[in-house]
Protein backbone atom coordinates (compact mmCIF):
# COMPACT_ATOMS: atom_id res chain seq x y z
CA MET A 1 11.91 -3.31 -20.21
CA THR A 2 8.82 -5.28 -19.30
CA LYS A 3 6.16 -3.88 -17.00
CA GLU A 4 7.25 -6.40 -14.36
CA GLU A 5 10.84 -5.17 -14.58
CA LEU A 6 9.66 -1.58 -14.31
CA LYS A 7 7.48 -2.35 -11.29
CA ALA A 8 10.51 -3.87 -9.56
CA ARG A 9 12.58 -0.74 -10.26
CA LEU A 10 10.01 1.99 -9.55
CA GLY A 11 11.33 4.35 -6.93
CA ALA A 12 14.96 3.40 -7.55
CA PRO A 13 17.19 6.48 -7.59
CA ASP A 14 18.72 5.53 -10.94
CA VAL A 15 15.38 5.31 -12.80
CA ILE A 16 13.39 8.20 -14.25
CA VAL A 17 10.00 7.44 -15.77
CA LEU A 18 8.83 9.87 -18.45
CA ASP A 19 5.25 10.01 -19.71
CA VAL A 20 5.52 11.18 -23.30
CA ARG A 21 1.92 10.79 -24.40
CA ALA A 22 0.40 13.50 -26.55
CA ALA A 23 -1.21 16.21 -24.41
CA GLN A 24 -4.79 15.23 -25.25
CA ASP A 25 -4.07 11.56 -24.48
CA TRP A 26 -2.39 12.47 -21.19
CA LYS A 27 -5.30 14.67 -20.11
CA ALA A 28 -7.89 12.05 -21.05
CA GLY A 29 -5.94 9.09 -19.70
CA GLU A 30 -6.57 7.66 -16.29
CA GLY A 31 -3.64 5.25 -16.19
CA ARG A 32 -0.55 7.02 -14.96
CA ILE A 33 2.60 5.61 -13.45
CA ALA A 34 3.18 7.03 -9.97
CA GLY A 35 6.20 9.33 -9.96
CA ALA A 36 6.35 9.68 -13.74
CA VAL A 37 7.29 13.07 -15.15
CA ARG A 38 5.20 14.41 -18.03
CA GLU A 39 7.21 15.65 -21.01
CA ASP A 40 6.00 16.87 -24.39
CA PRO A 41 7.18 14.35 -26.99
CA LYS A 42 7.38 17.09 -29.63
CA ALA A 43 9.73 19.17 -27.47
CA PHE A 44 12.51 16.64 -26.89
CA ASP A 45 15.10 19.22 -27.94
CA ARG A 46 14.08 21.35 -24.93
CA TRP A 47 14.04 18.68 -22.24
CA GLY A 48 16.18 15.79 -23.51
CA ALA A 49 19.47 17.11 -22.18
CA LYS A 50 18.22 17.89 -18.67
CA TYR A 51 18.24 14.25 -17.59
CA PRO A 52 21.54 12.75 -16.41
CA LYS A 53 23.08 10.25 -18.80
CA GLU A 54 23.91 7.87 -15.96
CA LYS A 55 20.20 7.40 -15.16
CA THR A 56 17.91 4.87 -16.79
CA LEU A 57 15.18 6.73 -18.64
CA VAL A 58 11.94 4.88 -19.22
CA LEU A 59 9.64 6.60 -21.72
CA TYR A 60 6.08 5.45 -22.08
CA CYS A 61 3.22 6.56 -24.26
CA ALA A 62 0.42 4.11 -23.59
């Protein structure tokens, strides 16, 4: 998905944006997508199943 496509879909009920940057990068970073949920990329086994399969998950790390 391009950033333009994501911008057009932000706020849509079928889209969940996940920020999976490493903790130190997330804390130091200023650029965050509004409404994004922070998840630990090393703990996918703990949070991966909590998101509905019918939703579009957008993971970003930059």
